[in-house]
């Protein structure tokens, strides 16, 4: 079966899955810049609480990646995606209610946290399910391409969702933005009925989750370290611009997403062609440069260039390392392995928000991006070490 063929049904289904993922994931992307603004400016709470409001969704995702992978392997990827989209909708509705509670910041914030937790559970199920579904269509040999397309859909939605969320917040309030956010996954549910599922593996013997993670934790650490740069942009780029009195604050995620999607579309084949580790090493170096530029920027254009370079660098790291992970496990463990692997990225997103909030309170918003620079450099060292170890094993 030629994956490149325009008449290939597997390729068409994968592209349709990516479009559905893009539409539904807008409900995640819209919240990145508006949750910190809502918490700090409307609820009058501090940066740590703003970071918690963003990061707690990823805590839920971390804690449920094992469940998402197991459900995908046992019941099928389509079941996982349908459940995830339903949780997206529920989380957005609860966040809408939080936006309607006036004059009660603590109850509003607690409702927001509940909605964000459900959103995180939905993200866990949708992301793992779509990846396993796509690999089931085209085969593990093209897993890097699947991960590249899935990531392009996710980060494309983040790029579009950021400014869209800010426009909706300005025109319709936080509750109005959450209403739109609830409608988007419903469109995904309507469209997904057209796509056939792939066979699960309900009877295959499964080792404990921790034994699977033990095989992949170094690859996961690289993804975790690269995720800090993106999480810093998602949670604090807008506040960084507001603090300095700069224009174009809403374009941070757009610049990041533009660079991210550009690389995915032009070079999504590289992990399958030349291997994951060389791609990851180059990518981490570019991300470190981008984060350094944001930290050291003296005008908004330079900071936006840094966000764009961060997007270029972050783009291929997840599919590059994911390709390596898929090759390390048996077919019936792919969902479980990808769930555990994805949890490392969620860990970066979940911890960066509150910890970066503490750092911003003590050393300013620019220090958050210095931390992103150091993290990307550390990931580069691990990638180079893994590549050296692999080369020695083949000699």
Protein backbone atom coordinates (compact mmCIF):
# COMPACT_ATOMS: atom_id res chain seq x y z
CA UNK A 1 0.00 0.00 0.00
CA UNK A 2 1.59 3.29 -1.07
CA UNK A 3 1.12 5.89 1.64
CA UNK A 4 1.98 8.63 -0.83
CA UNK A 5 -0.88 7.79 -3.16
CA UNK A 6 -3.67 10.33 -3.26
CA UNK A 7 -6.11 7.38 -3.58
CA UNK A 8 -4.79 5.58 -0.50
CA UNK A 9 -7.81 5.15 1.85
CA UNK A 10 -5.57 4.83 4.92
CA UNK A 11 -3.92 8.16 4.14
CA UNK A 12 -7.31 9.79 3.59
CA UNK A 13 -8.59 8.51 6.92
CA UNK A 14 -5.47 9.74 8.67
CA UNK A 15 -5.89 13.20 7.16
CA UNK A 16 -9.55 13.26 8.19
CA UNK A 17 -8.57 12.28 11.73
CA UNK A 18 -6.07 15.13 11.75
CA UNK A 19 -8.71 17.63 10.64
CA UNK A 20 -11.12 16.43 13.34
CA UNK A 21 -8.33 16.66 15.91
CA UNK A 22 -7.54 20.22 14.78
CA UNK A 23 -11.15 21.38 15.11
CA UNK A 24 -11.71 19.77 18.50
CA UNK A 25 -8.32 20.81 19.89
CA UNK A 26 -9.16 24.45 19.31
CA UNK A 27 -11.04 24.22 22.60
CA UNK A 28 -7.68 23.56 24.30
CA UNK A 29 -5.75 26.18 22.33
CA UNK A 30 -8.27 28.92 23.07
CA UNK A 31 -7.77 28.56 26.82
CA UNK A 32 -3.98 28.92 26.92
CA UNK A 33 -3.78 32.72 26.78
CA UNK A 34 -7.19 33.52 28.29
CA UNK A 35 -7.05 31.43 31.47
CA UNK A 36 -4.06 33.42 32.89
CA UNK A 37 -5.77 36.71 31.94
CA UNK A 38 -9.05 35.60 33.48
CA UNK A 39 -7.37 34.49 36.72
CA UNK A 40 -5.11 37.53 37.15
CA UNK A 41 -7.28 40.33 35.79
CA UNK A 42 -10.86 39.23 36.49
CA UNK A 43 -10.48 37.03 39.57
CA UNK A 44 -7.59 39.22 40.86
CA UNK A 45 -5.47 36.20 41.85
CA UNK A 46 -1.68 35.95 41.41
CA UNK A 47 0.64 34.44 38.84
CA UNK A 48 0.99 31.17 40.75
CA UNK A 49 -2.78 30.68 40.60
CA UNK A 50 -2.77 31.59 36.93
CA UNK A 51 -0.08 29.00 36.31
CA UNK A 52 -2.05 26.43 38.30
CA UNK A 53 -5.14 27.18 36.24
CA UNK A 54 -3.23 26.34 33.08
CA UNK A 55 -1.11 23.51 34.46
CA UNK A 56 -3.73 21.49 36.34
CA UNK A 57 -5.22 20.29 33.06
CA UNK A 58 -1.91 18.62 32.29
CA UNK A 59 -1.80 17.08 35.76
CA UNK A 60 -5.07 15.33 34.89
CA UNK A 61 -3.58 14.29 31.58
CA UNK A 62 -0.49 12.83 33.27
CA UNK A 63 -2.55 10.84 35.74
CA UNK A 64 -4.81 9.40 33.04
CA UNK A 65 -2.33 8.57 30.25
CA UNK A 66 -2.10 4.98 31.49
CA UNK A 67 -5.89 4.69 31.47
CA UNK A 68 -6.05 6.22 27.98
CA UNK A 69 -3.45 3.81 26.61
CA UNK A 70 -5.06 0.80 28.23
CA UNK A 71 -8.52 1.77 26.97
CA UNK A 72 -7.15 2.26 23.46
CA UNK A 73 -5.41 -1.14 23.50
CA UNK A 74 -8.32 -3.03 25.10
CA UNK A 75 -11.46 -1.38 23.70
CA UNK A 76 -10.14 0.35 20.60
CA UNK A 77 -8.81 3.78 19.75
CA UNK A 78 -12.18 5.04 18.51
CA UNK A 79 -13.77 4.41 21.91
CA UNK A 80 -11.00 6.42 23.58
CA UNK A 81 -11.42 9.37 21.20
CA UNK A 82 -15.21 9.50 21.56
CA UNK A 83 -14.95 9.51 25.35
CA UNK A 84 -12.25 12.15 25.22
CA UNK A 85 -14.32 14.52 23.09
CA UNK A 86 -17.22 14.13 25.54
CA UNK A 87 -14.92 15.12 28.42
CA UNK A 88 -13.73 18.13 26.40
CA UNK A 89 -17.31 19.33 26.18
CA UNK A 90 -18.02 18.73 29.88
CA UNK A 91 -14.88 20.61 30.94
CA UNK A 92 -15.71 23.60 28.75
CA UNK A 93 -19.28 23.76 30.11
CA UNK A 94 -18.05 23.78 33.73
CA UNK A 95 -15.52 26.50 32.85
CA UNK A 96 -18.39 28.46 31.29
CA UNK A 97 -20.26 28.26 34.60
CA UNK A 98 -17.13 29.52 36.38
CA UNK A 99 -17.15 32.56 34.12
CA UNK A 100 -20.76 33.31 35.05
CA UNK A 101 -20.10 33.37 38.81
CA UNK A 102 -19.64 37.07 39.59
CA UNK A 103 -17.99 38.52 42.70
CA UNK A 104 -16.80 35.20 44.12
CA UNK A 105 -13.21 34.60 43.00
CA UNK A 106 -12.53 31.46 45.03
CA UNK A 107 -15.67 29.54 43.95
CA UNK A 108 -15.06 30.68 40.38
CA UNK A 109 -11.48 29.46 40.51
CA UNK A 110 -12.48 26.10 41.99
CA UNK A 111 -15.03 25.60 39.23
CA UNK A 112 -12.39 26.56 36.69
CA UNK A 113 -10.04 23.93 38.14
CA UNK A 114 -12.76 21.28 37.88
CA UNK A 115 -13.35 22.17 34.25
CA UNK A 116 -9.62 22.13 33.52
CA UNK A 117 -9.29 18.67 35.10
CA UNK A 118 -11.98 17.30 32.81
CA UNK A 119 -10.35 19.00 29.84
CA UNK A 120 -7.07 17.29 30.75
CA UNK A 121 -8.75 13.89 30.89
CA UNK A 122 -10.28 14.55 27.50
CA UNK A 123 -6.93 15.58 26.04
CA UNK A 124 -5.35 12.37 27.33
CA UNK A 125 -7.95 10.15 25.69
CA UNK A 126 -8.13 12.06 22.39
CA UNK A 127 -4.38 12.37 21.82
CA UNK A 128 -3.51 8.75 22.64
CA UNK A 129 -6.55 7.45 20.78
CA UNK A 130 -5.88 9.41 17.59
CA UNK A 131 -2.20 8.38 17.51
CA UNK A 132 -3.02 4.69 18.03
CA UNK A 133 -5.86 4.95 15.50
CA UNK A 134 -3.59 6.52 12.88
CA UNK A 135 -0.80 3.98 13.38
CA UNK A 136 -3.40 1.24 13.10
CA UNK A 137 -4.34 2.61 9.66
CA UNK A 138 -0.86 3.03 8.13
CA UNK A 139 1.38 0.70 10.17
CA UNK A 140 4.26 1.24 12.63
CA UNK A 141 6.83 1.81 9.87
CA UNK A 142 5.14 5.17 9.24
CA UNK A 143 4.60 6.05 12.89
CA UNK A 144 6.83 9.12 12.62
CA UNK A 145 4.61 10.49 9.87
CA UNK A 146 1.49 9.81 11.94
CA UNK A 147 2.93 11.61 14.94
CA UNK A 148 4.00 14.51 12.73
CA UNK A 149 0.50 14.96 11.29
CA UNK A 150 -1.13 14.64 14.70
CA UNK A 151 1.25 17.20 16.14
CA UNK A 152 0.64 19.57 13.23
CA UNK A 153 -3.08 19.39 13.96
CA UNK A 154 -2.59 19.97 17.69
CA UNK A 155 -0.15 22.84 17.45
CA UNK A 156 -1.92 24.33 14.47
CA UNK A 157 -4.99 24.48 16.70
CA UNK A 158 -2.89 26.10 19.42
CA UNK A 159 -1.63 28.70 16.94
CA UNK A 160 -5.14 29.56 15.75
CA UNK A 161 -6.80 29.05 19.11
CA UNK A 162 -4.62 31.54 20.99
CA UNK A 163 -5.66 34.69 19.11
CA UNK A 164 -9.19 33.32 18.60
CA UNK A 165 -9.56 32.90 22.36
CA UNK A 166 -8.36 36.45 22.98
CA UNK A 167 -10.85 37.84 20.44
CA UNK A 168 -13.70 35.86 22.02
CA UNK A 169 -12.64 36.95 25.51
CA UNK A 170 -12.67 40.60 24.43
CA UNK A 171 -16.04 40.42 22.67
CA UNK A 172 -18.04 37.84 24.60
CA UNK A 173 -16.30 37.49 27.99
CA UNK A 174 -14.67 34.38 29.41
CA UNK A 175 -18.00 32.54 29.60
CA UNK A 176 -18.70 33.25 25.92
CA UNK A 177 -15.30 31.93 24.91
CA UNK A 178 -15.98 28.76 26.89
CA UNK A 179 -19.33 28.36 25.13
CA UNK A 180 -17.58 28.30 21.76
CA UNK A 181 -15.01 25.94 23.25
CA UNK A 182 -17.77 23.49 24.19
CA UNK A 183 -19.23 23.50 20.68
CA UNK A 184 -16.01 22.54 18.87
CA UNK A 185 -15.58 18.98 20.23
CA UNK A 186 -19.24 18.35 19.39
CA UNK A 187 -18.38 18.96 15.73
CA UNK A 188 -15.61 16.39 16.12
CA UNK A 189 -18.06 13.85 17.51
CA UNK A 190 -20.34 14.35 14.51
CA UNK A 191 -17.50 13.88 12.02
CA UNK A 192 -15.81 10.93 13.69
CA UNK A 193 -18.69 8.55 13.02
CA UNK A 194 -17.55 8.38 9.38
CA UNK A 195 -14.20 6.79 10.22
CA UNK A 196 -13.90 3.01 10.86
CA UNK A 197 -12.14 1.84 14.00
CA UNK A 198 -9.10 -0.42 14.17
CA UNK A 199 -9.00 -3.76 15.93
CA UNK A 200 -8.03 -3.67 19.63
CA UNK A 201 -5.91 -6.32 21.37
CA UNK A 202 -8.07 -7.30 24.36
CA UNK A 203 -6.52 -10.70 25.09
CA UNK A 204 -2.80 -9.94 24.72
CA UNK A 205 -0.61 -10.27 27.80
CA UNK A 206 0.40 -6.91 29.23
CA UNK A 207 3.32 -6.11 31.52
CA UNK A 208 2.90 -3.47 34.25
CA UNK A 209 2.90 0.14 33.04
CA UNK A 210 6.09 0.92 34.95
CA UNK A 211 8.00 -1.81 33.15
CA UNK A 212 6.99 -0.22 29.85
CA UNK A 213 8.02 3.23 31.07
CA UNK A 214 11.38 1.82 32.15
CA UNK A 215 12.15 1.16 28.47
CA UNK A 216 11.27 4.64 27.31
CA UNK A 217 12.02 7.07 30.15
CA UNK A 218 15.09 8.66 28.57
CA UNK A 219 13.17 9.37 25.37
CA UNK A 220 10.36 10.72 27.53
CA UNK A 221 12.78 12.96 29.43
CA UNK A 222 13.79 14.64 26.17
CA UNK A 223 10.15 15.37 25.37
CA UNK A 224 9.60 16.65 28.91
CA UNK A 225 12.50 19.10 28.69
CA UNK A 226 11.48 20.43 25.29
CA UNK A 227 7.92 20.94 26.54
CA UNK A 228 9.02 23.53 29.09
CA UNK A 229 9.68 26.09 26.35
CA UNK A 230 6.25 25.67 24.81
CA UNK A 231 4.51 25.73 28.21
CA UNK A 232 6.34 28.96 29.09
CA UNK A 233 5.04 30.59 25.90
CA UNK A 234 1.53 29.24 26.38
CA UNK A 235 1.16 30.37 29.99
CA UNK A 236 3.25 33.55 30.24
CA UNK A 237 4.05 35.03 26.84
CA UNK A 238 0.92 37.22 26.89
CA UNK A 239 1.57 38.39 30.45
CA UNK A 240 5.25 39.02 29.56
CA UNK A 241 4.16 41.36 26.75
CA UNK A 242 1.55 43.09 28.93
CA UNK A 243 4.14 43.62 31.66
CA UNK A 244 6.48 45.35 29.19
CA UNK A 245 3.73 47.35 27.52
CA UNK A 246 4.32 45.72 24.12
CA UNK A 247 1.79 45.21 21.35
CA UNK A 248 1.05 41.92 19.56
CA UNK A 249 0.74 39.91 22.79
CA UNK A 250 -1.76 37.55 21.19
CA UNK A 251 0.65 36.54 18.44
CA UNK A 252 3.03 34.52 20.62
CA UNK A 253 1.24 31.20 20.13
CA UNK A 254 0.61 32.12 16.50
CA UNK A 255 4.34 32.61 15.88
CA UNK A 256 5.12 29.41 17.75
CA UNK A 257 2.44 27.45 15.92
CA UNK A 258 3.45 28.84 12.53
CA UNK A 259 7.02 27.61 12.96
CA UNK A 260 5.79 24.33 14.39
CA UNK A 261 3.38 23.53 11.57
CA UNK A 262 5.84 24.69 8.89
CA UNK A 263 8.44 22.15 9.99
CA UNK A 264 5.85 19.39 10.39
CA UNK A 265 4.58 19.90 6.85
CA UNK A 266 8.00 20.21 5.20
CA UNK A 267 10.04 17.75 7.25
CA UNK A 268 7.53 15.38 8.84
CA UNK A 269 9.15 12.47 7.01
CA UNK A 270 12.61 12.97 8.51
CA UNK A 271 12.29 10.79 11.65
CA UNK A 272 11.23 7.81 9.52
CA UNK A 273 14.00 8.53 7.00
CA UNK A 274 17.08 9.41 9.09
CA UNK A 275 16.06 8.35 12.62
CA UNK A 276 14.65 10.12 15.63
CA UNK A 277 17.76 11.05 17.58
CA UNK A 278 19.51 13.16 14.90
CA UNK A 279 16.28 15.07 14.31
CA UNK A 280 15.78 15.63 18.04
CA UNK A 281 19.32 16.91 18.57
CA UNK A 282 19.04 19.58 15.85
CA UNK A 283 15.55 20.53 17.02
CA UNK A 284 16.57 21.04 20.64
CA UNK A 285 19.43 23.31 19.60
CA UNK A 286 17.00 25.49 17.62
CA UNK A 287 14.54 25.58 20.53
CA UNK A 288 17.28 26.70 22.93
CA UNK A 289 18.15 29.59 20.59
CA UNK A 290 14.49 30.62 20.37
CA UNK A 291 14.02 30.63 24.15
CA UNK A 292 17.24 32.61 24.56
CA UNK A 293 15.97 35.26 22.14
CA UNK A 294 12.72 35.67 24.08
CA UNK A 295 14.61 35.97 27.37
CA UNK A 296 17.02 38.55 25.95
CA UNK A 297 14.52 40.46 23.78
CA UNK A 298 14.41 44.25 23.95
CA UNK A 299 11.46 44.66 21.56
CA UNK A 300 8.35 42.58 20.68
CA UNK A 301 9.52 41.60 17.20
CA UNK A 302 12.63 39.86 18.55
CA UNK A 303 10.50 38.04 21.13
CA UNK A 304 8.11 36.89 18.39
CA UNK A 305 11.07 35.65 16.34
CA UNK A 306 12.14 33.70 19.42
CA UNK A 307 8.65 32.19 19.69
CA UNK A 308 8.79 31.24 16.00
CA UNK A 309 12.20 29.57 16.46
CA UNK A 310 10.89 27.77 19.53
CA UNK A 311 8.09 26.39 17.37
CA UNK A 312 10.59 25.32 14.70
CA UNK A 313 12.63 23.52 17.35
CA UNK A 314 9.79 21.88 19.27
CA UNK A 315 8.06 20.64 16.14
CA UNK A 316 9.80 17.34 15.42
CA UNK A 317 10.91 16.25 18.89
CA UNK A 318 7.73 14.43 19.87
CA UNK A 319 7.41 12.45 16.61
CA UNK A 320 11.16 11.80 16.54
CA UNK A 321 11.16 10.29 20.02
CA UNK A 322 7.73 8.70 19.53
CA UNK A 323 9.07 6.81 16.53
CA UNK A 324 11.80 5.37 18.73
CA UNK A 325 9.27 4.42 21.41
CA UNK A 326 6.99 2.61 18.94
CA UNK A 327 9.94 0.53 17.78
CA UNK A 328 10.78 -0.48 21.37
CA UNK A 329 7.45 -2.21 22.19
CA UNK A 330 5.20 -4.93 20.77
CA UNK A 331 2.10 -3.91 18.73
CA UNK A 332 -0.36 -4.68 21.51
CA UNK A 333 1.50 -2.27 23.83
CA UNK A 334 1.66 0.74 21.49
CA UNK A 335 -1.23 2.58 23.11
CA UNK A 336 0.16 1.96 26.60
CA UNK A 337 3.68 2.98 25.58
CA UNK A 338 2.50 6.11 23.79
CA UNK A 339 0.35 6.99 26.78
CA UNK A 340 3.31 6.72 29.15
CA UNK A 341 5.55 8.53 26.71
CA UNK A 342 3.06 11.38 26.27
CA UNK A 343 2.84 11.74 30.06
CA UNK A 344 6.41 13.07 30.08
CA UNK A 345 5.32 15.97 27.88
CA UNK A 346 2.28 16.51 30.07
CA UNK A 347 4.57 16.60 33.09
CA UNK A 348 6.42 19.53 31.55
CA UNK A 349 3.18 21.35 30.81
CA UNK A 350 1.70 20.63 34.23
CA UNK A 351 4.71 21.67 36.31
CA UNK A 352 5.86 24.61 34.21
CA UNK A 353 2.74 26.68 34.90
CA UNK A 354 2.88 26.92 38.72
CA UNK A 355 6.70 26.72 38.99
CA UNK A 356 7.17 29.36 36.32
CA UNK A 357 4.60 31.47 38.14
CA UNK A 358 6.75 31.34 41.27
CA UNK A 359 9.81 32.21 39.21
CA UNK A 360 8.01 35.11 37.51
CA UNK A 361 6.95 36.53 40.88
CA UNK A 362 10.53 36.45 42.15
CA UNK A 363 12.62 37.25 39.07
CA UNK A 364 10.28 38.63 36.40
CA UNK A 365 8.57 37.09 33.39
CA UNK A 366 11.76 37.02 31.32
CA UNK A 367 13.35 34.53 33.74
CA UNK A 368 10.73 31.95 32.68
CA UNK A 369 12.28 31.85 29.22
CA UNK A 370 15.80 31.56 30.60
CA UNK A 371 14.57 28.39 32.33
CA UNK A 372 13.24 27.21 28.95
CA UNK A 373 16.68 27.80 27.42
CA UNK A 374 18.40 25.70 30.08
CA UNK A 375 15.81 22.91 29.75
CA UNK A 376 16.24 22.67 25.97
CA UNK A 377 20.01 22.54 26.37
CA UNK A 378 19.67 19.71 28.90
CA UNK A 379 17.45 17.78 26.48
CA UNK A 380 20.08 18.23 23.77
CA UNK A 381 22.72 16.67 26.01
CA UNK A 382 20.51 13.63 26.68
CA UNK A 383 19.78 13.20 22.95
CA UNK A 384 23.48 13.35 22.11
CA UNK A 385 24.23 10.84 24.87
CA UNK A 386 21.59 8.41 23.58
CA UNK A 387 22.91 8.76 20.05
CA UNK A 388 26.46 8.07 21.25
CA UNK A 389 25.30 5.01 23.20
CA UNK A 390 23.45 3.65 20.19
CA UNK A 391 26.45 4.21 17.90
CA UNK A 392 28.69 2.36 20.35
CA UNK A 393 26.24 -0.56 20.49
CA UNK A 394 26.44 -1.00 16.72
CA UNK A 395 30.26 -0.88 16.65
